[in-house]
Amino acid sequence: MTSPDDLIIRGFNNMTVHYLEEEGEKSDDPIFSDAKSFKDSAIVVDMGSHSTRAGWSKEELPRLHFPTLVGRGRATKDVLTVVGNDLKKGDISKLAAKSPFEENVVYHFDLQEAIMDHIFSRLGCEGDSIINPVIMSESACNPNHCRKNTSELLFECYGVPAVSYGIDGLFSYYANCISTPNANREGLIISSGHSSTHILPMLQSGPVHSKFKRIDIGGYHCTDYAQKLVQIKYPIHRAAMTVEKSQTLKENHTYLATNYNEELFLFSNNSAPKEEEQIDVEEEKEKGEEEKEKGKAEKEKGEEEKEEKEEEGLERGKARVIQLPYVAAPVVVVTEEEKKRKHDLKVTQGQRLKEYGEKKRKEKQQVKEQQLERYNEILNMRDEDLEQFNEMLLQENLADENALNKAMEKLKNGLTKSENNDEEKAQRKKNEMDKRFEENPTDLIRELREKKRIIEEMIERKARENSSTVGGRNTLAKRKRMKAITGIAFNDADHDTDDFGMNDDDWDIYLQAGSEPLPEEQEEAAELVQIDAWLAKYEKKAPKKENATTPMSQELDYQLYIGVERIRIPEILFQPNLIGMDFTGLSEALQNTFSSLTKPQLADISKRIFVCGGNSETKLFRERIEAEVRALLPVEYEMNVLKAKNALKDAWRGASMWSRNNSWKSRGENNGWITKKMYEELGHDYLKEFMLSNQYLKVYE
């Protein structure tokens, strides 16, 4: 297998080939036993639709980080439940691993319970109940029903003392921008996750929930689109292009174009000259030699600048060649003895078929001579007995004497031509092939190879048909053999008795029929031998080209050419119509958000536009957002686009930092903890609002 370090190998036009590495097996989540030292710490759980992070609020980073997947299968009498990193590649399909999320909303609460069991057991929480409060992240505008079931699970099943819910995007914003007490809160959060993308405007007073926007496109949709594009482009690699490989392709080899249409033009091989350049060309024709030289120098300078720009673009990468992993087939070394044996076998087979053909030709000639003698006897009978002459004409299916003369003339011509016909035909064919080789050897060799391929496929197809049985003796091969045996046994016209088999020599017919090929098989095999002889002759004489293209190896068979797909895959976030989705993209959603805000509010939040979420890790994501927002805002507005330091873990970090600054036992306006007493008195779906939470809307039944 090709080494991942060996990136520059043979490819399309000597392009750099990028190895698509397979993600190795992850180790099982560790089991910690120091939970007693975190009695005053909260358990922070950032459960997303792609992955889950969990740990103690006193620590800077989560202890657990695993995919949000649960697999279930039967092991003896008990039901086996496997969660997160404990699921190996084979288990994902065998155990029908599923996520508790549908889009970005928890739907399968039994799977959520399995994940919470996994988290508490791995963190080392013992006893009948959990003594630590729990803070959980959720998506913007999470339905009350989902929160209600989660609260019931935590309070009723695990007995936690308190729980708090906050928006993942706002937690990430808190960790990066507003964790200090007197920090300026204004900003616009663009959170692009696995299943969806949210736009969250934030003012000094808090988040403006009524202005929240959601787009149902995220990293999952980009991965799915990447998989479909490659499978359509390379149908032979449908099975090889798994979801994991598609995700690796999306993460490592795609990027967002700051200007999609201009970037598409760079991927095109054809470039139209600009109108200004055409005017310069016309003006140069009218100028003198001195001005022409000056124009030429300027043109060369422009070309150099253009090449520099293209090189800068290539550093970012345009089209790429991706090497799929593969297992190399064993190389079979054919020895000289084996080559000689195969060559001798072909020569022997050709000689045998040639002799067999000569034998058949003589037999046909003998039959013609006998037929001519028969016609001469009939013609001589004309003068002796006219009535018998006419009767014999009818037996031979001849209308009259003229028909007899024509038949005799035809037989005489055939016998005359057949004496040297085969040699003349062979010589004529040889001369024709030699002439064609002199005119265009490449086309001739290509034609012979194609003809050989067709004959080999025909022979293989007939072999499959011969081997297929309809039932008992009624096979195609046996029917043909019986027909040949019958022809051999009863080819004697004087044989008028049914005594075949009485003589022991009669049974030699079966040996003869079994050893000789059928006529159609013999013709195809003879033609194949002749083509092999021509190829052996002409391939040696064919001129050898320098830098001739070698046959494609397995390495090249497993290479993918990824061109415009590199920008087309992540572009669906801004143009959902590329995947058939009929709703607004991120640019239109931003425009709608800006138009719903007052000018002072817009001026304030434009100073800090914050992008976060796993999908924001796409290359040039921040630059594309900056270009889109700059086009929507007035020129005089100040604008600054920031990116999360760690897009995957900042939501957990923000929740951890917030829980350290706001104890669940404190009594403050910004305390977002829901205690067991509040849960019982205010309803199971109750949400204590705070700066980073959703808005609680009581639904009366």
Foldseek 3Di string as FASTA:
>chain_A
DDDQVQQQDDADVSFTAHELDFDDQDDDQAADAPVVVQLQWAWEWEDWQFWIFIPTLVDQFGSDIFGQKWFWDDDPPDIDIDGGSSQTPVRCVVRVIDHCDDQGARNNVVSVLVVVVVRCRRDNQDDQAGAHEYEYEGAFPHDLVRLLSVLCCRCVRHNYFWYAYFHLQLLLCCLPFPVDDPGAWFAWEWEAACFKIKIWGAHSVFTDSVLIDIGGDHLVQLLVVQLVVQCVVPVVCNVLSDSSSSSSCLLPQFFADLDLVVLVQVLDPDDDDDPVVVVVVVVLVVDDPVVVVVVVVVVVVVVVVVVVVVVVVCVVNFKHKYFGDDDADDDDDQDPVNVVVVVVVLVVLLVVLVVVVVVVLVVVLVVLVVVLVVLVVLVVCCVVPVVVSCVVCVVVVHDDVVSSVVSNVVSVVVNVCSVCVVVVVVVVVVVVLVVVCVVPVVVSLVVLVVVLVVLVVVVVVVVVQQPDDPDDQPGPVNVQLVVQLVCVLPVDPPPDDDPQPVDPVSVCSSVVSVVDDDPVVSVSSNVSSVSVVVNVVSVVVDDDDPPDDDPDHVRRVRMDIGHSSSNVSVCCQQVVVVVPDPDHHPLVSVLVSLVVDDPVSNLRRQQEYEYAYPRCSRHCSQVSVVSSVCVRDDVPRHHDYYYRPDRVTSSSSSSSSVCVVAPCPDDDLQRFMQGPVCCVPVHSSDGRDHNRRHDDDDDDD
